[in-house]
C-alpha atoms as a PDB file:
ATOM      1  CA  MET A   1     -27.019 232.112-135.327  1.00  0.00           C
ATOM      2  CA  SER A   2     -30.114 234.164-134.461  1.00  0.00           C
ATOM      3  CA  MET A   3     -31.970 231.051-133.284  1.00  0.00           C
ATOM      4  CA  ARG A   4     -29.187 230.145-130.841  1.00  0.00           C
ATOM      5  CA  LYS A   5     -29.134 233.657-129.468  1.00  0.00           C
ATOM      6  CA  GLY A   6     -32.883 233.486-129.019  1.00  0.00           C
ATOM      7  CA  ASN A   7     -32.634 230.246-127.083  1.00  0.00           C
ATOM      8  CA  GLU A   8     -30.063 231.799-124.786  1.00  0.00           C
ATOM      9  CA  ALA A   9     -32.316 234.792-124.197  1.00  0.00           C
ATOM     10  CA  GLN A  10     -35.162 232.513-123.145  1.00  0.00           C
ATOM     11  CA  ASP A  11     -32.976 230.528-120.694  1.00  0.00           C
ATOM     12  CA  GLY A  12     -33.196 231.533-117.031  1.00  0.00           C
ATOM     13  CA  THR A  13     -34.156 235.159-116.559  1.00  0.00           C
ATOM     14  CA  GLY A  14     -34.293 236.023-120.278  1.00  0.00           C
ATOM     15  CA  ASN A  15     -31.043 237.992-120.136  1.00  0.00           C
ATOM     16  CA  SER A  16     -28.708 235.463-121.755  1.00  0.00           C
ATOM     17  CA  ASN A  17     -27.910 233.892-118.382  1.00  0.00           C
ATOM     18  CA  GLY A  18     -27.923 230.419-119.890  1.00  0.00           C
ATOM     19  CA  CYS A  19     -24.172 230.800-120.416  1.00  0.00           C
ATOM     20  CA  PHE A  20     -23.685 230.643-116.665  1.00  0.00           C
ATOM     21  CA  SER A  21     -26.236 227.986-115.698  1.00  0.00           C
ATOM     22  CA  HIS A  22     -23.753 225.133-115.522  1.00  0.00           C
ATOM     23  CA  LEU A  23     -21.308 227.240-113.494  1.00  0.00           C
ATOM     24  CA  LYS A  24     -24.048 227.998-110.990  1.00  0.00           C
ATOM     25  CA  PHE A  25     -24.725 224.297-110.698  1.00  0.00           C
ATOM     26  CA  VAL A  26     -21.039 223.570-110.027  1.00  0.00           C
ATOM     27  CA  LEU A  27     -20.854 226.262-107.342  1.00  0.00           C
ATOM     28  CA  LEU A  28     -24.010 224.971-105.644  1.00  0.00           C
ATOM     29  CA  ALA A  29     -22.632 221.428-105.622  1.00  0.00           C
ATOM     30  CA  LEU A  30     -19.367 222.599-104.051  1.00  0.00           C
ATOM     31  CA  LEU A  31     -21.177 224.485-101.318  1.00  0.00           C
ATOM     32  CA  ILE A  32     -23.391 221.501-100.491  1.00  0.00           C
ATOM     33  CA  THR A  33     -20.463 219.102-100.285  1.00  0.00           C
ATOM     34  CA  TRP A  34     -18.151 221.443 -98.389  1.00  0.00           C
ATOM     35  CA  PRO A  35     -16.487 219.193 -95.785  1.00  0.00           C
ATOM     36  CA  ALA A  36     -17.102 219.529 -92.060  1.00  0.00           C
ATOM     37  CA  TRP A  37     -13.384 220.024 -91.385  1.00  0.00           C
ATOM     38  CA  ALA A  38     -13.581 223.418 -93.095  1.00  0.00           C
ATOM     39  CA  GLN A  39     -16.019 224.775 -90.501  1.00  0.00           C
ATOM     40  CA  GLN A  40     -14.859 226.990 -87.666  1.00  0.00           C
ATOM     41  CA  ALA A  41     -14.281 225.509 -84.227  1.00  0.00           C
ATOM     42  CA  THR A  42     -17.223 225.578 -81.848  1.00  0.00           C
ATOM     43  CA  THR A  43     -17.069 228.260 -79.144  1.00  0.00           C
ATOM     44  CA  LEU A  44     -17.391 227.021 -75.566  1.00  0.00           C
ATOM     45  CA  PRO A  45     -20.256 228.523 -73.511  1.00  0.00           C
ATOM     46  CA  SER A  46     -19.767 230.794 -70.501  1.00  0.00           C
ATOM     47  CA  TRP A  47     -21.067 229.776 -67.077  1.00  0.00           C
ATOM     48  CA  THR A  48     -21.347 230.939 -63.453  1.00  0.00           C
ATOM     49  CA  VAL A  49     -21.603 228.945 -60.218  1.00  0.00           C
ATOM     50  CA  PRO A  50     -22.588 230.881 -57.049  1.00  0.00           C
ATOM     51  CA  MET A  51     -21.392 229.537 -53.683  1.00  0.00           C
ATOM     52  CA  THR A  52     -22.578 230.253 -50.139  1.00  0.00           C
ATOM     53  CA  ILE A  53     -20.430 229.485 -47.089  1.00  0.00           C
ATOM     54  CA  THR A  54     -22.134 229.299 -43.693  1.00  0.00           C
ATOM     55  CA  LEU A  55     -20.528 228.706 -40.277  1.00  0.00           C
ATOM     56  CA  SER A  56     -22.271 226.884 -37.447  1.00  0.00           C
ATOM     57  CA  GLY A  57     -22.773 230.175 -35.611  1.00  0.00           C
ATOM     58  CA  GLY A  58     -24.817 231.548 -38.507  1.00  0.00           C
ATOM     59  CA  SER A  59     -22.340 233.947 -40.154  1.00  0.00           C
ATOM     60  CA  GLN A  60     -22.336 233.712 -43.916  1.00  0.00           C
ATOM     61  CA  ASP A  61     -20.332 234.742 -46.969  1.00  0.00           C
ATOM     62  CA  ALA A  62     -20.935 234.365 -50.726  1.00  0.00           C
ATOM     63  CA  VAL A  63     -18.671 234.073 -53.758  1.00  0.00           C
ATOM     64  CA  LYS A  64     -18.998 233.286 -57.470  1.00  0.00           C
ATOM     65  CA  LEU A  65     -16.747 231.542 -59.960  1.00  0.00           C
ATOM     66  CA  GLY A  66     -17.143 230.893 -63.656  1.00  0.00           C
ATOM     67  CA  THR A  67     -16.055 231.775 -67.164  1.00  0.00           C
ATOM     68  CA  LYS A  68     -16.706 234.744 -69.432  1.00  0.00           C
ATOM     69  CA  ALA A  69     -15.612 235.803 -72.888  1.00  0.00           C
ATOM     70  CA  GLY A  70     -12.411 237.839 -72.738  1.00  0.00           C
ATOM     71  CA  ALA A  71     -11.624 237.003 -69.102  1.00  0.00           C
ATOM     72  CA  THR A  72      -8.115 235.944 -68.011  1.00  0.00           C
ATOM     73  CA  ASN A  73      -6.327 234.669 -64.902  1.00  0.00           C
ATOM     74  CA  ASP A  74      -5.644 238.275 -63.876  1.00  0.00           C
ATOM     75  CA  LEU A  75      -7.899 240.976 -62.446  1.00  0.00           C
ATOM     76  CA  GLU A  76     -10.292 242.427 -65.046  1.00  0.00           C
ATOM     77  CA  GLN A  77     -12.137 245.609 -64.165  1.00  0.00           C
ATOM     78  CA  GLY A  78     -15.842 245.236 -64.877  1.00  0.00           C
ATOM     79  CA  THR A  79     -15.640 241.422 -64.858  1.00  0.00           C
ATOM     80  CA  ASP A  80     -14.072 240.278 -61.592  1.00  0.00           C
ATOM     81  CA  VAL A  81     -15.274 241.615 -58.213  1.00  0.00           C
ATOM     82  CA  LEU A  82     -12.870 242.568 -55.422  1.00  0.00           C
ATOM     83  CA  ASN A  83     -13.368 240.918 -52.057  1.00  0.00           C
ATOM     84  CA  PRO A  84     -14.521 243.482 -49.445  1.00  0.00           C
ATOM     85  CA  PRO A  85     -13.142 243.374 -45.899  1.00  0.00           C
ATOM     86  CA  PRO A  86     -15.171 241.038 -43.661  1.00  0.00           C
ATOM     87  CA  PRO A  87     -17.315 242.433 -40.839  1.00  0.00           C
ATOM     88  CA  PRO A  88     -15.758 242.443 -37.362  1.00  0.00           C
ATOM     89  CA  ASN A  89     -15.540 239.030 -35.688  1.00  0.00           C
ATOM     90  CA  SER A  90     -16.544 237.281 -38.910  1.00  0.00           C
ATOM     91  CA  PHE A  91     -14.821 234.815 -41.212  1.00  0.00           C
ATOM     92  CA  ASP A  92     -13.830 235.526 -44.812  1.00  0.00           C
ATOM     93  CA  ALA A  93     -14.136 233.500 -48.042  1.00  0.00           C
ATOM     94  CA  TYR A  94     -12.445 234.545 -51.289  1.00  0.00           C
ATOM     95  CA  PHE A  95     -10.529 233.479 -54.390  1.00  0.00           C
ATOM     96  CA  GLU A  96      -6.820 234.174 -54.334  1.00  0.00           C
ATOM     97  CA  ILE A  97      -5.051 235.487 -57.434  1.00  0.00           C
ATOM     98  CA  THR A  98      -1.558 236.784 -58.170  1.00  0.00           C
ATOM     99  CA  HIS A  99      -1.893 240.565 -57.956  1.00  0.00           C
ATOM    100  CA  GLN A 100       0.337 243.103 -56.225  1.00  0.00           C
ATOM    101  CA  PHE A 101      -2.485 245.207 -54.738  1.00  0.00           C
ATOM    102  CA  PHE A 102      -5.729 243.193 -55.027  1.00  0.00           C
ATOM    103  CA  PRO A 103      -5.041 239.475 -54.524  1.00  0.00           C
ATOM    104  CA  GLN A 104      -8.519 238.596 -53.210  1.00  0.00           C
ATOM    105  CA  LEU A 105     -11.725 238.318 -55.265  1.00  0.00           C
ATOM    106  CA  SER A 106     -15.285 237.482 -54.307  1.00  0.00           C
ATOM    107  CA  GLU A 107     -16.127 236.864 -57.984  1.00  0.00           C
ATOM    108  CA  ASP A 108     -13.417 235.332 -60.155  1.00  0.00           C
ATOM    109  CA  TYR A 109     -14.057 234.686 -63.861  1.00  0.00           C
ATOM    110  CA  ARG A 110     -11.678 233.021 -66.285  1.00  0.00           C
ATOM    111  CA  SER A 111     -11.563 232.604 -70.068  1.00  0.00           C
ATOM    112  CA  ASP A 112     -14.481 230.629 -71.495  1.00  0.00           C
ATOM    113  CA  GLN A 113     -12.072 229.046 -73.997  1.00  0.00           C
ATOM    114  CA  ASP A 114      -9.767 227.424 -71.419  1.00  0.00           C
ATOM    115  CA  SER A 115     -10.215 223.664 -71.076  1.00  0.00           C
ATOM    116  CA  THR A 116      -8.442 223.502 -67.682  1.00  0.00           C
ATOM    117  CA  ILE A 117      -8.876 226.109 -64.906  1.00  0.00           C
ATOM    118  CA  VAL A 118      -7.855 226.094 -61.242  1.00  0.00           C
ATOM    119  CA  TRP A 119      -9.225 228.551 -58.680  1.00  0.00           C
ATOM    120  CA  LYS A 120      -7.508 228.971 -55.307  1.00  0.00           C
ATOM    121  CA  PHE A 121     -10.326 229.152 -52.754  1.00  0.00           C
ATOM    122  CA  VAL A 122      -9.659 230.273 -49.168  1.00  0.00           C
ATOM    123  CA  ILE A 123     -11.881 230.246 -46.081  1.00  0.00           C
ATOM    124  CA  GLY A 124     -10.147 232.084 -43.245  1.00  0.00           C
ATOM    125  CA  THR A 125     -10.537 233.379 -39.678  1.00  0.00           C
ATOM    126  CA  THR A 126     -13.119 230.719 -38.813  1.00  0.00           C
ATOM    127  CA  GLY A 127     -11.785 230.253 -35.292  1.00  0.00           C
ATOM    128  CA  GLY A 128     -11.949 226.504 -35.842  1.00  0.00           C
ATOM    129  CA  SER A 129     -15.726 226.534 -36.326  1.00  0.00           C
ATOM    130  CA  ALA A 130     -17.521 223.991 -38.490  1.00  0.00           C
ATOM    131  CA  GLY A 131     -19.350 225.109 -41.600  1.00  0.00           C
ATOM    132  CA  THR A 132     -20.958 224.140 -44.872  1.00  0.00           C
ATOM    133  CA  MET A 133     -20.305 225.194 -48.457  1.00  0.00           C
ATOM    134  CA  ARG A 134     -23.268 225.119 -50.825  1.00  0.00           C
ATOM    135  CA  TRP A 135     -23.307 225.804 -54.546  1.00  0.00           C
ATOM    136  CA  ASP A 136     -25.777 225.998 -57.413  1.00  0.00           C
ATOM    137  CA  THR A 137     -24.890 224.406 -60.772  1.00  0.00           C
ATOM    138  CA  SER A 138     -28.447 224.460 -62.134  1.00  0.00           C
ATOM    139  CA  THR A 139     -27.414 226.872 -64.908  1.00  0.00           C
ATOM    140  CA  PHE A 140     -24.192 225.052 -65.775  1.00  0.00           C
ATOM    141  CA  PRO A 141     -24.340 224.145 -69.521  1.00  0.00           C
ATOM    142  CA  ILE A 142     -23.982 220.419 -68.942  1.00  0.00           C
ATOM    143  CA  GLY A 143     -25.488 219.650 -72.353  1.00  0.00           C
ATOM    144  CA  GLU A 144     -22.712 221.527 -74.160  1.00  0.00           C
ATOM    145  CA  LEU A 145     -20.004 220.561 -71.651  1.00  0.00           C
ATOM    146  CA  ALA A 146     -21.003 216.937 -71.116  1.00  0.00           C
ATOM    147  CA  ARG A 147     -17.403 215.825 -70.556  1.00  0.00           C
ATOM    148  CA  ALA A 148     -16.658 218.589 -68.035  1.00  0.00           C
ATOM    149  CA  VAL A 149     -15.407 217.960 -64.497  1.00  0.00           C
ATOM    150  CA  LEU A 150     -15.821 220.539 -61.704  1.00  0.00           C
ATOM    151  CA  GLN A 151     -14.276 219.449 -58.413  1.00  0.00           C
ATOM    152  CA  ILE A 152     -13.268 220.810 -55.014  1.00  0.00           C
ATOM    153  CA  LYS A 153      -9.844 219.459 -54.119  1.00  0.00           C
ATOM    154  CA  GLN A 154      -7.345 219.681 -51.289  1.00  0.00           C
ATOM    155  CA  GLY A 155      -4.007 218.780 -52.760  1.00  0.00           C
ATOM    156  CA  GLU A 156      -4.578 215.565 -54.690  1.00  0.00           C
ATOM    157  CA  THR A 157      -7.687 214.614 -52.688  1.00  0.00           C
ATOM    158  CA  VAL A 158     -11.077 215.215 -54.314  1.00  0.00           C
ATOM    159  CA  LEU A 159     -13.505 216.473 -51.667  1.00  0.00           C
ATOM    160  CA  ALA A 160     -16.566 216.996 -53.845  1.00  0.00           C
ATOM    161  CA  ASN A 161     -17.801 216.688 -57.412  1.00  0.00           C
ATOM    162  CA  MET A 162     -19.719 219.927 -57.836  1.00  0.00           C
ATOM    163  CA  LEU A 163     -21.767 218.712 -60.813  1.00  0.00           C
ATOM    164  CA  SER A 164     -23.253 215.742 -58.931  1.00  0.00           C
ATOM    165  CA  SER A 165     -23.510 217.237 -55.404  1.00  0.00           C
ATOM    166  CA  ASN A 166     -24.387 220.631 -53.950  1.00  0.00           C
ATOM    167  CA  SER A 167     -22.744 220.904 -50.525  1.00  0.00           C
ATOM    168  CA  LEU A 168     -19.600 220.099 -48.529  1.00  0.00           C
ATOM    169  CA  ASN A 169     -19.048 220.228 -44.773  1.00  0.00           C
ATOM    170  CA  PHE A 170     -15.748 221.474 -43.328  1.00  0.00           C
ATOM    171  CA  THR A 171     -14.128 222.427 -40.045  1.00  0.00           C
ATOM    172  CA  GLY A 172     -11.734 225.317 -39.506  1.00  0.00           C
ATOM    173  CA  ASP A 173      -9.809 227.367 -42.043  1.00  0.00           C
ATOM    174  CA  GLN A 174      -9.512 225.919 -45.539  1.00  0.00           C
ATOM    175  CA  SER A 175      -7.129 226.356 -48.471  1.00  0.00           C
ATOM    176  CA  LEU A 176      -8.715 224.557 -51.423  1.00  0.00           C
ATOM    177  CA  GLN A 177      -8.579 224.283 -55.188  1.00  0.00           C
ATOM    178  CA  ILE A 178     -11.633 224.279 -57.424  1.00  0.00           C
ATOM    179  CA  MET A 179     -10.736 222.634 -60.708  1.00  0.00           C
ATOM    180  CA  PHE A 180     -12.592 222.771 -64.012  1.00  0.00           C
ATOM    181  CA  ASP A 181     -11.437 220.336 -66.654  1.00  0.00           C
ATOM    182  CA  LEU A 182     -12.840 219.599 -70.100  1.00  0.00           C
ATOM    183  CA  PRO A 183     -11.113 216.508 -71.526  1.00  0.00           C
ATOM    184  CA  PRO A 184     -10.793 216.243 -75.322  1.00  0.00           C
ATOM    185  CA  PRO A 185     -13.265 214.000 -77.134  1.00  0.00           C
ATOM    186  CA  SER A 186     -12.451 210.323 -77.175  1.00  0.00           C
ATOM    187  CA  PRO A 187     -10.740 209.232 -80.407  1.00  0.00           C
ATOM    188  CA  PRO A 188     -12.973 207.344 -82.841  1.00  0.00           C
ATOM    189  CA  PRO A 189     -12.701 203.557 -82.757  1.00  0.00           C
ATOM    190  CA  PRO A 190     -10.258 202.038 -85.235  1.00  0.00           C
ATOM    191  CA  PRO A 191     -11.847 201.194 -88.584  1.00  0.00           C
ATOM    192  CA  LYS A 192     -13.016 197.632 -88.997  1.00  0.00           C
ATOM    193  CA  GLU A 193     -11.611 195.338 -91.624  1.00  0.00           C
ATOM    194  CA  GLY A 194     -12.409 196.781 -95.020  1.00  0.00           C
ATOM    195  CA  CYS A 195     -13.696 195.096 -98.087  1.00  0.00           C
ATOM    196  CA  CYS A 196     -11.548 192.600 -99.993  1.00  0.00           C
ATOM    197  CA  GLY A 197      -9.772 191.613 -96.755  1.00  0.00           C
ATOM    198  CA  GLN A 198      -8.179 195.015 -96.094  1.00  0.00           C
ATOM    199  CA  SER A 199      -6.875 195.366 -92.547  1.00  0.00           C
ATOM    200  CA  ALA A 200      -7.807 198.264 -90.262  1.00  0.00           C
ATOM    201  CA  ALA A 201      -4.272 199.645 -90.563  1.00  0.00           C
ATOM    202  CA  SER A 202      -4.369 199.641 -94.353  1.00  0.00           C
ATOM    203  CA  VAL A 203      -7.805 201.345 -94.389  1.00  0.00           C
ATOM    204  CA  ALA A 204      -6.597 203.994 -91.941  1.00  0.00           C
ATOM    205  CA  GLY A 205      -3.481 204.544 -94.042  1.00  0.00           C
ATOM    206  CA  LEU A 206      -5.590 204.886 -97.166  1.00  0.00           C
ATOM    207  CA  ASN A 207      -7.842 207.445 -95.477  1.00  0.00           C
ATOM    208  CA  SER A 208      -4.857 209.502 -94.313  1.00  0.00           C
ATOM    209  CA  THR A 209      -3.509 209.454 -97.876  1.00  0.00           C
ATOM    210  CA  VAL A 210      -6.766 210.228 -99.672  1.00  0.00           C
ATOM    211  CA  GLN A 211      -7.981 213.077 -97.443  1.00  0.00           C
ATOM    212  CA  PRO A 212      -5.104 215.499 -98.288  1.00  0.00           C
ATOM    213  CA  VAL A 213      -5.666 214.777-101.990  1.00  0.00           C
ATOM    214  CA  ILE A 214      -9.374 215.608-101.669  1.00  0.00           C
ATOM    215  CA  GLU A 215      -8.608 218.780 -99.725  1.00  0.00           C
ATOM    216  CA  ALA A 216      -6.057 219.873-102.338  1.00  0.00           C
ATOM    217  CA  ALA A 217      -8.519 219.174-105.166  1.00  0.00           C
ATOM    218  CA  ILE A 218     -11.223 221.292-103.529  1.00  0.00           C
ATOM    219  CA  ASN A 219      -8.763 224.140-102.965  1.00  0.00           C
ATOM    220  CA  ILE A 220      -7.737 223.993-106.628  1.00  0.00           C
ATOM    221  CA  VAL A 221     -11.370 224.084-107.779  1.00  0.00           C
ATOM    222  CA  PHE A 222     -12.129 227.134-105.637  1.00  0.00           C
ATOM    223  CA  PHE A 223      -8.971 228.815-106.960  1.00  0.00           C
ATOM    224  CA  LEU A 224      -9.849 228.133-110.600  1.00  0.00           C
ATOM    225  CA  PHE A 225     -13.573 228.913-110.332  1.00  0.00           C
ATOM    226  CA  PRO A 226     -13.235 232.735-110.654  1.00  0.00           C
ATOM    227  CA  ILE A 227     -10.971 232.246-113.694  1.00  0.00           C
ATOM    228  CA  MET A 228     -13.488 229.867-115.305  1.00  0.00           C
ATOM    229  CA  LEU A 229     -16.292 232.319-114.585  1.00  0.00           C
ATOM    230  CA  LEU A 230     -14.380 235.236-116.149  1.00  0.00           C
ATOM    231  CA  ARG A 231     -13.523 233.253-119.293  1.00  0.00           C
ATOM    232  CA  ARG A 232     -17.121 232.093-119.627  1.00  0.00           C
ATOM    233  CA  LYS A 233     -18.348 235.650-119.248  1.00  0.00           C
ATOM    234  CA  LYS A 234     -16.078 236.850-122.053  1.00  0.00           C
ATOM    235  CA  ARG A 235     -17.226 233.981-124.284  1.00  0.00           C
ATOM    236  CA  CYS A 236     -20.884 234.757-123.644  1.00  0.00           C
ATOM    237  CA  THR A 237     -20.261 238.433-124.352  1.00  0.00           C
ATOM    238  CA  LYS A 238     -18.763 237.521-127.738  1.00  0.00           C
ATOM    239  CA  GLN A 239     -21.744 235.229-128.513  1.00  0.00           C
ATOM    240  CA  ARG A 240     -24.211 238.011-127.769  1.00  0.00           C
ATOM    241  CA  GLY A 241     -22.276 240.399-129.973  1.00  0.00           C
ATOM    242  CA  ALA A 242     -22.102 237.908-132.859  1.00  0.00           C
END
């Protein structure tokens, strides 16, 4: 009996931790093999696109659109910027929102977790003059939003793809929509024919059947692990006292 106790004392840190060595190994293995579906969803990045509108006579206005954490479709103090009155004899460019007192914004930010956003963009009191819109998407996170679409539209007509161009000519007053859309990822291709002549449908059916079983098994293991650890601790305590 004394020899076994001595071996336990020499295992690990020398404090009879050998009783728990195999449990540590099990826990480490579970953490390493924890499935990807258990991870939290990836947060979408925020972004800002500044725009400059210039008429042929030289008058100019500037606006910004984009996304920010915590923003909504409404007016947020400290996030959105109200549109100031235009100078005399000048045109005005702004984003239009639904608000009883402040329906016009020069900077309009929406939620960075929305996959589809539409801004109502208005250019008014131009007197029929021609002009040019220019924008800068150099800081747009195209690497993280590779599937994203950012377009200027008039009704169902697409006037410009803002991620592949940087300007748009116009004449007279404009009532436009700027649309951001992030389509979902394409579904994976159907599985090829499995071994032993299994069809793609049978392999897919097997996967859909097996995955819930694996998930349930992992949940059971994580539920039982504290109980196993407590019972092992009591057993080791008795061995040390023997």
